[in-house]
Amino acid sequence: MSLWKKTAVVAVAALTALAGAACGPQTGSTEAQQKQPSVLDLLASDLKGSLQKTVDATDKTDSVTVAMKGTMGGEQVSMQGVLDLGDPPKAEMTMTNPKGTTTTVRMIGAVIFTEVPPEARERTGGKRWMKLDMTGLGELTGTDFAKQFEDADPVKQVKTLLAIEGTTVVGQETVSGVPTVHYTVTTPVATYLTQVDARHRSDTEKALAAQGVKKLKIDLWVDEQYRPRRAGMVMGNMGDMVIDYTDYGKAVTIETPPPAETADLAEMLENLTIDG
């Protein structure tokens, strides 16, 4: 499974009521109007079919705005930003730590750029951005960022639920003013790991095992256009995360920071090794 999927939104119109009136000359009666099920009804009654439609619709999305919040290791974490799901995939996220300090992170394909706080730029020669190219770095790829961006991909959330047996419908619920249908599943860690990108599977397994996590609870809320509006995960004592999705298909611009304003972390580490 690739880290990102090229995506774009397909608007699916709500099904309208179909009225059929037939007047019989012998009886003069009119047949009762026959109403087709709404999209929300279909989402609730045809679980597998609706999730597949959600994959198909979401898999064509160009971009989406995301807001993530939750608890990890007993600390509150949050991240907001946009995903450009083109080729290469891009993301720009603002991460907030428990002290309220914010950090901007950009991902351009396999390269991560982290904004350096003004007070720390002396160590980067005054440069604003720190670059880390994850290509070919194996376990030293900074998987925390990469895994979080992977988890934010809305189509991945849908495919995970579609692939795991036991997913059920909770019911119709409103998310940020939008009618949705809520799905949920609780699954063993081993089953969940089969849906994790192979590049992150080992690290994810170790992290969950270290916290004694044996099962995960996954939730998904889908709207009438077959688009995820919210995804949630509870990982035992390790933590929990909720992701809200808005502004599907909205134009976004995520640019690679200028080389003159960028310090390369790999080069800095190499110089430290040589000097040492």
C-alpha atoms as a PDB file:
ATOM      1  CA  MET A   1       0.000   0.000   0.000  1.00  0.00           C
ATOM      2  CA  SER A   2       1.534   3.286  -1.019  1.00  0.00           C
ATOM      3  CA  LEU A   3       1.785   6.122   1.474  1.00  0.00           C
ATOM      4  CA  TRP A   4      -0.578   8.330  -0.476  1.00  0.00           C
ATOM      5  CA  LYS A   5      -3.182   7.736  -3.115  1.00  0.00           C
ATOM      6  CA  LYS A   6      -3.862  10.136  -5.957  1.00  0.00           C
ATOM      7  CA  THR A   7      -7.345  11.406  -5.232  1.00  0.00           C
ATOM      8  CA  ALA A   8     -10.333  13.923  -6.215  1.00  0.00           C
ATOM      9  CA  VAL A   9     -13.851  14.415  -5.039  1.00  0.00           C
ATOM     10  CA  VAL A  10     -16.869  13.150  -6.930  1.00  0.00           C
ATOM     11  CA  ALA A  11     -20.116  14.863  -5.942  1.00  0.00           C
ATOM     12  CA  VAL A  12     -22.838  12.281  -5.501  1.00  0.00           C
ATOM     13  CA  ALA A  13     -26.298  13.884  -5.591  1.00  0.00           C
ATOM     14  CA  ALA A  14     -28.755  12.842  -2.904  1.00  0.00           C
ATOM     15  CA  LEU A  15     -31.363  10.434  -4.171  1.00  0.00           C
ATOM     16  CA  THR A  16     -34.745  12.132  -4.657  1.00  0.00           C
ATOM     17  CA  ALA A  17     -38.163  10.715  -3.979  1.00  0.00           C
ATOM     18  CA  LEU A  18     -39.683   8.975  -6.957  1.00  0.00           C
ATOM     19  CA  ALA A  19     -43.420   9.471  -7.224  1.00  0.00           C
ATOM     20  CA  GLY A  20     -45.435   7.277  -9.499  1.00  0.00           C
ATOM     21  CA  ALA A  21     -49.070   8.060  -9.996  1.00  0.00           C
ATOM     22  CA  ALA A  22     -51.266   5.855 -12.116  1.00  0.00           C
ATOM     23  CA  CYS A  23     -54.903   6.641 -12.503  1.00  0.00           C
ATOM     24  CA  GLY A  24     -57.067   3.648 -13.351  1.00  0.00           C
ATOM     25  CA  PRO A  25     -60.204   4.583 -15.247  1.00  0.00           C
ATOM     26  CA  GLN A  26     -62.175   1.786 -13.586  1.00  0.00           C
ATOM     27  CA  THR A  27     -61.181   2.663  -9.998  1.00  0.00           C
ATOM     28  CA  GLY A  28     -60.207   6.346 -10.169  1.00  0.00           C
ATOM     29  CA  SER A  29     -57.557   5.597  -7.498  1.00  0.00           C
ATOM     30  CA  THR A  30     -53.983   6.908  -7.359  1.00  0.00           C
ATOM     31  CA  GLU A  31     -51.087   4.698  -6.337  1.00  0.00           C
ATOM     32  CA  ALA A  32     -49.195   5.779  -3.237  1.00  0.00           C
ATOM     33  CA  GLN A  33     -45.959   7.577  -3.875  1.00  0.00           C
ATOM     34  CA  GLN A  34     -42.989   5.283  -3.718  1.00  0.00           C
ATOM     35  CA  LYS A  35     -39.947   6.803  -2.027  1.00  0.00           C
ATOM     36  CA  GLN A  36     -36.454   5.545  -2.778  1.00  0.00           C
ATOM     37  CA  PRO A  37     -34.066   5.207   0.160  1.00  0.00           C
ATOM     38  CA  SER A  38     -31.854   8.216   0.884  1.00  0.00           C
ATOM     39  CA  VAL A  39     -28.075   8.063   0.658  1.00  0.00           C
ATOM     40  CA  LEU A  40     -27.936   7.956   4.458  1.00  0.00           C
ATOM     41  CA  ASP A  41     -30.300   4.975   4.421  1.00  0.00           C
ATOM     42  CA  LEU A  42     -28.080   3.242   1.872  1.00  0.00           C
ATOM     43  CA  LEU A  43     -24.952   4.019   3.880  1.00  0.00           C
ATOM     44  CA  ALA A  44     -26.557   2.351   6.875  1.00  0.00           C
ATOM     45  CA  SER A  45     -28.087  -0.657   5.100  1.00  0.00           C
ATOM     46  CA  ASP A  46     -25.467  -1.523   2.443  1.00  0.00           C
ATOM     47  CA  LEU A  47     -22.284  -1.394   4.500  1.00  0.00           C
ATOM     48  CA  LYS A  48     -19.800  -3.023   2.097  1.00  0.00           C
ATOM     49  CA  GLY A  49     -21.258  -1.396  -0.999  1.00  0.00           C
ATOM     50  CA  SER A  50     -21.336   2.047   0.611  1.00  0.00           C
ATOM     51  CA  LEU A  51     -17.769   1.798   1.885  1.00  0.00           C
ATOM     52  CA  GLN A  52     -16.608   0.789  -1.602  1.00  0.00           C
ATOM     53  CA  LYS A  53     -18.435   3.813  -3.078  1.00  0.00           C
ATOM     54  CA  THR A  54     -16.689   5.933  -0.456  1.00  0.00           C
ATOM     55  CA  VAL A  55     -13.309   4.529  -1.521  1.00  0.00           C
ATOM     56  CA  ASP A  56     -14.100   5.250  -5.183  1.00  0.00           C
ATOM     57  CA  ALA A  57     -15.245   8.813  -4.466  1.00  0.00           C
ATOM     58  CA  THR A  58     -12.476   9.676  -2.031  1.00  0.00           C
ATOM     59  CA  ASP A  59      -9.830   8.054  -4.210  1.00  0.00           C
ATOM     60  CA  LYS A  60     -10.424  10.819  -6.759  1.00  0.00           C
ATOM     61  CA  THR A  61      -9.951  13.712  -4.347  1.00  0.00           C
ATOM     62  CA  ASP A  62      -7.321  16.336  -5.220  1.00  0.00           C
ATOM     63  CA  SER A  63      -6.990  17.795  -1.736  1.00  0.00           C
ATOM     64  CA  VAL A  64      -8.554  17.973   1.702  1.00  0.00           C
ATOM     65  CA  THR A  65      -8.230  20.046   4.863  1.00  0.00           C
ATOM     66  CA  VAL A  66      -7.589  18.060   8.051  1.00  0.00           C
ATOM     67  CA  ALA A  67      -7.673  18.754  11.764  1.00  0.00           C
ATOM     68  CA  MET A  68      -6.260  16.114  14.114  1.00  0.00           C
ATOM     69  CA  LYS A  69      -6.412  16.079  17.901  1.00  0.00           C
ATOM     70  CA  GLY A  70      -5.993  13.515  20.612  1.00  0.00           C
ATOM     71  CA  THR A  71      -3.757  12.121  23.329  1.00  0.00           C
ATOM     72  CA  MET A  72      -0.421  10.360  22.951  1.00  0.00           C
ATOM     73  CA  GLY A  73       1.649   9.188  25.889  1.00  0.00           C
ATOM     74  CA  GLY A  74      -0.633  11.084  28.239  1.00  0.00           C
ATOM     75  CA  GLU A  75      -0.083  14.405  26.432  1.00  0.00           C
ATOM     76  CA  GLN A  76      -2.529  16.379  24.315  1.00  0.00           C
ATOM     77  CA  VAL A  77      -1.512  16.705  20.672  1.00  0.00           C
ATOM     78  CA  SER A  78      -3.080  18.524  17.733  1.00  0.00           C
ATOM     79  CA  MET A  79      -2.279  19.129  14.086  1.00  0.00           C
ATOM     80  CA  GLN A  80      -4.091  21.147  11.412  1.00  0.00           C
ATOM     81  CA  GLY A  81      -3.352  21.644   7.750  1.00  0.00           C
ATOM     82  CA  VAL A  82      -3.945  20.598   4.167  1.00  0.00           C
ATOM     83  CA  LEU A  83      -3.104  17.566   2.061  1.00  0.00           C
ATOM     84  CA  ASP A  84      -2.381  17.844  -1.655  1.00  0.00           C
ATOM     85  CA  LEU A  85      -2.880  14.304  -2.906  1.00  0.00           C
ATOM     86  CA  GLY A  86      -1.325  14.781  -6.322  1.00  0.00           C
ATOM     87  CA  ASP A  87       1.982  13.462  -7.626  1.00  0.00           C
ATOM     88  CA  PRO A  88       4.140  13.953  -5.666  1.00  0.00           C
ATOM     89  CA  PRO A  89       1.888  14.037  -2.592  1.00  0.00           C
ATOM     90  CA  LYS A  90       2.314  17.133  -0.441  1.00  0.00           C
ATOM     91  CA  ALA A  91       1.227  18.234   3.003  1.00  0.00           C
ATOM     92  CA  GLU A  92       1.565  21.314   5.164  1.00  0.00           C
ATOM     93  CA  MET A  93       0.646  20.891   8.819  1.00  0.00           C
ATOM     94  CA  THR A  94       0.885  23.048  11.905  1.00  0.00           C
ATOM     95  CA  MET A  95       1.598  20.929  14.966  1.00  0.00           C
ATOM     96  CA  THR A  96       0.856  22.164  18.506  1.00  0.00           C
ATOM     97  CA  ASN A  97       2.604  20.654  21.526  1.00  0.00           C
ATOM     98  CA  PRO A  98       1.173  20.498  25.084  1.00  0.00           C
ATOM     99  CA  LYS A  99       2.843  23.836  25.924  1.00  0.00           C
ATOM    100  CA  GLY A 100       1.011  25.557  23.076  1.00  0.00           C
ATOM    101  CA  THR A 101       4.108  25.954  20.896  1.00  0.00           C
ATOM    102  CA  THR A 102       3.426  25.511  17.192  1.00  0.00           C
ATOM    103  CA  THR A 103       5.654  24.018  14.510  1.00  0.00           C
ATOM    104  CA  THR A 104       5.001  24.046  10.771  1.00  0.00           C
ATOM    105  CA  VAL A 105       5.952  20.929   8.835  1.00  0.00           C
ATOM    106  CA  ARG A 106       5.841  20.437   5.068  1.00  0.00           C
ATOM    107  CA  MET A 107       6.124  17.137   3.284  1.00  0.00           C
ATOM    108  CA  ILE A 108       6.973  17.160  -0.426  1.00  0.00           C
ATOM    109  CA  GLY A 109       7.016  13.569  -1.613  1.00  0.00           C
ATOM    110  CA  ALA A 110       9.567  11.798   0.584  1.00  0.00           C
ATOM    111  CA  VAL A 111      11.178  15.009   1.862  1.00  0.00           C
ATOM    112  CA  ILE A 112      10.174  16.651   5.146  1.00  0.00           C
ATOM    113  CA  PHE A 113      10.815  20.335   5.902  1.00  0.00           C
ATOM    114  CA  THR A 114      10.439  21.479   9.515  1.00  0.00           C
ATOM    115  CA  GLU A 115      10.305  25.188  10.317  1.00  0.00           C
ATOM    116  CA  VAL A 116      13.072  26.142  12.765  1.00  0.00           C
ATOM    117  CA  PRO A 117      12.021  28.525  15.589  1.00  0.00           C
ATOM    118  CA  PRO A 118      13.703  31.960  15.310  1.00  0.00           C
ATOM    119  CA  GLU A 119      15.561  31.443  18.598  1.00  0.00           C
ATOM    120  CA  ALA A 120      17.135  28.218  17.292  1.00  0.00           C
ATOM    121  CA  ARG A 121      18.234  29.393  13.851  1.00  0.00           C
ATOM    122  CA  GLU A 122      21.756  30.183  15.007  1.00  0.00           C
ATOM    123  CA  ARG A 123      22.415  26.446  14.805  1.00  0.00           C
ATOM    124  CA  THR A 124      21.218  26.356  11.186  1.00  0.00           C
ATOM    125  CA  GLY A 125      23.205  29.357  10.008  1.00  0.00           C
ATOM    126  CA  GLY A 126      20.118  31.557  10.212  1.00  0.00           C
ATOM    127  CA  LYS A 127      18.138  29.312   7.871  1.00  0.00           C
ATOM    128  CA  ARG A 128      14.403  28.985   8.451  1.00  0.00           C
ATOM    129  CA  TRP A 129      13.847  25.367   7.400  1.00  0.00           C
ATOM    130  CA  MET A 130      15.391  22.013   8.307  1.00  0.00           C
ATOM    131  CA  LYS A 131      15.284  19.398   5.550  1.00  0.00           C
ATOM    132  CA  LEU A 132      15.196  15.616   5.954  1.00  0.00           C
ATOM    133  CA  ASP A 133      15.084  13.450   2.824  1.00  0.00           C
ATOM    134  CA  MET A 134      13.535  10.154   3.909  1.00  0.00           C
ATOM    135  CA  THR A 135      14.384   8.295   0.693  1.00  0.00           C
ATOM    136  CA  GLY A 136      16.315   5.128   1.467  1.00  0.00           C
ATOM    137  CA  LEU A 137      16.822   5.943   5.136  1.00  0.00           C
ATOM    138  CA  GLY A 138      15.047   2.809   6.387  1.00  0.00           C
ATOM    139  CA  GLU A 139      14.179   3.040  10.077  1.00  0.00           C
ATOM    140  CA  LEU A 140      15.832   6.470  10.305  1.00  0.00           C
ATOM    141  CA  THR A 141      13.214   8.090   8.068  1.00  0.00           C
ATOM    142  CA  GLY A 142      11.438  10.062  10.735  1.00  0.00           C
ATOM    143  CA  THR A 143       8.476   7.697  10.674  1.00  0.00           C
ATOM    144  CA  ASP A 144       6.558   9.734  13.251  1.00  0.00           C
ATOM    145  CA  PHE A 145       5.788  12.440  10.672  1.00  0.00           C
ATOM    146  CA  ALA A 146       5.357  10.017   7.803  1.00  0.00           C
ATOM    147  CA  LYS A 147       3.023   7.756   9.782  1.00  0.00           C
ATOM    148  CA  GLN A 148       0.885  10.699  10.912  1.00  0.00           C
ATOM    149  CA  PHE A 149       0.510  11.936   7.351  1.00  0.00           C
ATOM    150  CA  GLU A 150      -0.344   8.414   6.206  1.00  0.00           C
ATOM    151  CA  ASP A 151      -2.973   8.100   8.931  1.00  0.00           C
ATOM    152  CA  ALA A 152      -4.516  11.412   7.834  1.00  0.00           C
ATOM    153  CA  ASP A 153      -5.200  10.141   4.301  1.00  0.00           C
ATOM    154  CA  PRO A 154      -9.020   9.778   4.204  1.00  0.00           C
ATOM    155  CA  VAL A 155      -9.050   6.978   1.637  1.00  0.00           C
ATOM    156  CA  LYS A 156      -6.752   4.893   3.855  1.00  0.00           C
ATOM    157  CA  GLN A 157      -9.270   5.146   6.685  1.00  0.00           C
ATOM    158  CA  VAL A 158     -12.056   3.817   4.485  1.00  0.00           C
ATOM    159  CA  LYS A 159      -9.968   0.981   3.050  1.00  0.00           C
ATOM    160  CA  THR A 160      -9.002  -0.098   6.561  1.00  0.00           C
ATOM    161  CA  LEU A 161     -12.639  -0.457   7.608  1.00  0.00           C
ATOM    162  CA  LEU A 162     -13.523  -2.167   4.339  1.00  0.00           C
ATOM    163  CA  ALA A 163     -10.747  -4.732   4.793  1.00  0.00           C
ATOM    164  CA  ILE A 164     -11.427  -5.569   8.445  1.00  0.00           C
ATOM    165  CA  GLU A 165     -14.226  -7.999   9.263  1.00  0.00           C
ATOM    166  CA  GLY A 166     -16.747  -7.028  11.916  1.00  0.00           C
ATOM    167  CA  THR A 167     -17.404  -3.405  10.936  1.00  0.00           C
ATOM    168  CA  THR A 168     -20.894  -2.346  12.040  1.00  0.00           C
ATOM    169  CA  VAL A 169     -23.170   0.688  11.691  1.00  0.00           C
ATOM    170  CA  VAL A 170     -23.678   2.784  14.827  1.00  0.00           C
ATOM    171  CA  GLY A 171     -26.312   5.005  13.203  1.00  0.00           C
ATOM    172  CA  GLN A 172     -26.902   8.427  11.678  1.00  0.00           C
ATOM    173  CA  GLU A 173     -25.053  11.301  13.389  1.00  0.00           C
ATOM    174  CA  THR A 174     -24.288  14.946  12.614  1.00  0.00           C
ATOM    175  CA  VAL A 175     -20.629  15.988  12.350  1.00  0.00           C
ATOM    176  CA  SER A 176     -19.957  19.756  12.246  1.00  0.00           C
ATOM    177  CA  GLY A 177     -23.459  20.332  10.924  1.00  0.00           C
ATOM    178  CA  VAL A 178     -23.200  17.631   8.219  1.00  0.00           C
ATOM    179  CA  PRO A 179     -25.439  14.507   8.294  1.00  0.00           C
ATOM    180  CA  THR A 180     -23.335  11.331   8.336  1.00  0.00           C
ATOM    181  CA  VAL A 181     -23.478   7.624   9.058  1.00  0.00           C
ATOM    182  CA  HIS A 182     -21.152   6.351  11.780  1.00  0.00           C
ATOM    183  CA  TYR A 183     -19.279   3.039  11.349  1.00  0.00           C
ATOM    184  CA  THR A 184     -17.156   1.288  13.973  1.00  0.00           C
ATOM    185  CA  VAL A 185     -15.011  -1.800  14.458  1.00  0.00           C
ATOM    186  CA  THR A 186     -12.795  -3.162  17.240  1.00  0.00           C
ATOM    187  CA  THR A 187      -9.964  -5.306  15.911  1.00  0.00           C
ATOM    188  CA  PRO A 188      -6.895  -7.169  17.196  1.00  0.00           C
ATOM    189  CA  VAL A 189      -3.563  -5.429  16.643  1.00  0.00           C
ATOM    190  CA  ALA A 190      -2.388  -8.204  14.304  1.00  0.00           C
ATOM    191  CA  THR A 191      -5.343  -7.592  11.982  1.00  0.00           C
ATOM    192  CA  TYR A 192      -4.853  -3.839  12.016  1.00  0.00           C
ATOM    193  CA  LEU A 193      -1.157  -4.185  11.177  1.00  0.00           C
ATOM    194  CA  THR A 194      -2.005  -5.859   7.867  1.00  0.00           C
ATOM    195  CA  GLN A 195      -3.433  -2.491   6.762  1.00  0.00           C
ATOM    196  CA  VAL A 196      -0.389  -0.433   7.821  1.00  0.00           C
ATOM    197  CA  ASP A 197       2.117   0.565   5.133  1.00  0.00           C
ATOM    198  CA  ALA A 198       4.941  -1.965   5.126  1.00  0.00           C
ATOM    199  CA  ARG A 199       7.488   0.817   5.712  1.00  0.00           C
ATOM    200  CA  HIS A 200       5.909   1.650   9.065  1.00  0.00           C
ATOM    201  CA  ARG A 201       4.543  -1.737  10.128  1.00  0.00           C
ATOM    202  CA  SER A 202       7.466  -2.861  12.283  1.00  0.00           C
ATOM    203  CA  ASP A 203       7.748   0.444  14.161  1.00  0.00           C
ATOM    204  CA  THR A 204       3.972   0.579  14.680  1.00  0.00           C
ATOM    205  CA  GLU A 205       3.934  -2.985  16.015  1.00  0.00           C
ATOM    206  CA  LYS A 206       6.762  -2.238  18.450  1.00  0.00           C
ATOM    207  CA  ALA A 207       5.104   0.941  19.706  1.00  0.00           C
ATOM    208  CA  LEU A 208       1.752  -0.773  20.302  1.00  0.00           C
ATOM    209  CA  ALA A 209       3.403  -3.779  21.972  1.00  0.00           C
ATOM    210  CA  ALA A 210       5.437  -1.519  24.272  1.00  0.00           C
ATOM    211  CA  GLN A 211       2.184  -0.003  25.562  1.00  0.00           C
ATOM    212  CA  GLY A 212       0.471  -3.370  25.907  1.00  0.00           C
ATOM    213  CA  VAL A 213      -2.136  -2.553  23.251  1.00  0.00           C
ATOM    214  CA  LYS A 214      -3.950  -5.688  22.092  1.00  0.00           C
ATOM    215  CA  LYS A 215      -6.998  -4.202  20.348  1.00  0.00           C
ATOM    216  CA  LEU A 216      -7.827  -0.987  18.523  1.00  0.00           C
ATOM    217  CA  LYS A 217     -11.194   0.715  18.077  1.00  0.00           C
ATOM    218  CA  ILE A 218     -11.646   2.444  14.708  1.00  0.00           C
ATOM    219  CA  ASP A 219     -14.536   4.786  13.844  1.00  0.00           C
ATOM    220  CA  LEU A 220     -15.532   6.488  10.594  1.00  0.00           C
ATOM    221  CA  TRP A 221     -18.263   9.006   9.735  1.00  0.00           C
ATOM    222  CA  VAL A 222     -19.305   9.250   6.033  1.00  0.00           C
ATOM    223  CA  ASP A 223     -21.488  11.983   4.513  1.00  0.00           C
ATOM    224  CA  GLU A 224     -24.137  11.882   1.767  1.00  0.00           C
ATOM    225  CA  GLN A 225     -21.517  12.452  -0.934  1.00  0.00           C
ATOM    226  CA  TYR A 226     -19.674   9.313   0.147  1.00  0.00           C
ATOM    227  CA  ARG A 227     -16.820  11.285   1.720  1.00  0.00           C
ATOM    228  CA  PRO A 228     -15.280  10.740   5.148  1.00  0.00           C
ATOM    229  CA  ARG A 229     -16.050  13.610   7.508  1.00  0.00           C
ATOM    230  CA  ARG A 230     -14.405  12.224  10.625  1.00  0.00           C
ATOM    231  CA  ALA A 231     -12.178   9.285  11.555  1.00  0.00           C
ATOM    232  CA  GLY A 232     -11.213   8.151  15.025  1.00  0.00           C
ATOM    233  CA  MET A 233      -8.961   5.589  16.648  1.00  0.00           C
ATOM    234  CA  VAL A 234      -8.539   4.444  20.255  1.00  0.00           C
ATOM    235  CA  MET A 235      -5.288   2.570  20.946  1.00  0.00           C
ATOM    236  CA  GLY A 236      -5.780   1.319  24.480  1.00  0.00           C
ATOM    237  CA  ASN A 237      -3.597   3.109  27.025  1.00  0.00           C
ATOM    238  CA  MET A 238      -1.316   4.390  24.266  1.00  0.00           C
ATOM    239  CA  GLY A 239      -3.678   7.138  23.161  1.00  0.00           C
ATOM    240  CA  ASP A 240      -6.474   8.198  20.855  1.00  0.00           C
ATOM    241  CA  MET A 241      -6.872  10.393  17.786  1.00  0.00           C
ATOM    242  CA  VAL A 242      -9.760  12.075  15.955  1.00  0.00           C
ATOM    243  CA  ILE A 243      -9.382  13.520  12.434  1.00  0.00           C
ATOM    244  CA  ASP A 244     -11.926  15.895  10.872  1.00  0.00           C
ATOM    245  CA  TYR A 245     -12.051  16.381   7.080  1.00  0.00           C
ATOM    246  CA  THR A 246     -13.358  19.519   5.339  1.00  0.00           C
ATOM    247  CA  ASP A 247     -12.942  21.441   2.064  1.00  0.00           C
ATOM    248  CA  TYR A 248     -12.560  18.477  -0.269  1.00  0.00           C
ATOM    249  CA  GLY A 249     -11.128  19.577  -3.617  1.00  0.00           C
ATOM    250  CA  LYS A 250     -10.230  23.104  -2.489  1.00  0.00           C
ATOM    251  CA  ALA A 251      -7.204  24.488  -4.344  1.00  0.00           C
ATOM    252  CA  VAL A 252      -4.061  24.422  -2.188  1.00  0.00           C
ATOM    253  CA  THR A 253      -0.487  25.561  -2.791  1.00  0.00           C
ATOM    254  CA  ILE A 254       2.353  23.845  -0.923  1.00  0.00           C
ATOM    255  CA  GLU A 255       5.777  24.966  -2.099  1.00  0.00           C
ATOM    256  CA  THR A 256       9.240  23.560  -1.472  1.00  0.00           C
ATOM    257  CA  PRO A 257      11.145  26.032   0.741  1.00  0.00           C
ATOM    258  CA  PRO A 258      13.914  27.927  -1.126  1.00  0.00           C
ATOM    259  CA  PRO A 259      17.334  26.213  -0.906  1.00  0.00           C
ATOM    260  CA  ALA A 260      18.850  29.447   0.426  1.00  0.00           C
ATOM    261  CA  GLU A 261      16.542  29.184   3.464  1.00  0.00           C
ATOM    262  CA  THR A 262      17.028  25.456   4.026  1.00  0.00           C
ATOM    263  CA  ALA A 263      19.559  23.506   6.093  1.00  0.00           C
ATOM    264  CA  ASP A 264      20.029  19.810   5.318  1.00  0.00           C
ATOM    265  CA  LEU A 265      19.871  17.683   8.484  1.00  0.00           C
ATOM    266  CA  ALA A 266      21.764  14.781   6.883  1.00  0.00           C
ATOM    267  CA  GLU A 267      24.646  17.083   5.933  1.00  0.00           C
ATOM    268  CA  MET A 268      24.723  18.614   9.418  1.00  0.00           C
ATOM    269  CA  LEU A 269      24.906  15.180  11.029  1.00  0.00           C
ATOM    270  CA  GLU A 270      27.637  14.104   8.614  1.00  0.00           C
ATOM    271  CA  ASN A 271      29.698  17.191   9.463  1.00  0.00           C
ATOM    272  CA  LEU A 272      29.286  16.501  13.165  1.00  0.00           C
ATOM    273  CA  THR A 273      30.533  12.943  12.626  1.00  0.00           C
ATOM    274  CA  ILE A 274      33.549  14.138  10.650  1.00  0.00           C
ATOM    275  CA  ASP A 275      34.382  16.822  13.221  1.00  0.00           C
ATOM    276  CA  GLY A 276      33.999  14.311  16.013  1.00  0.00           C
END
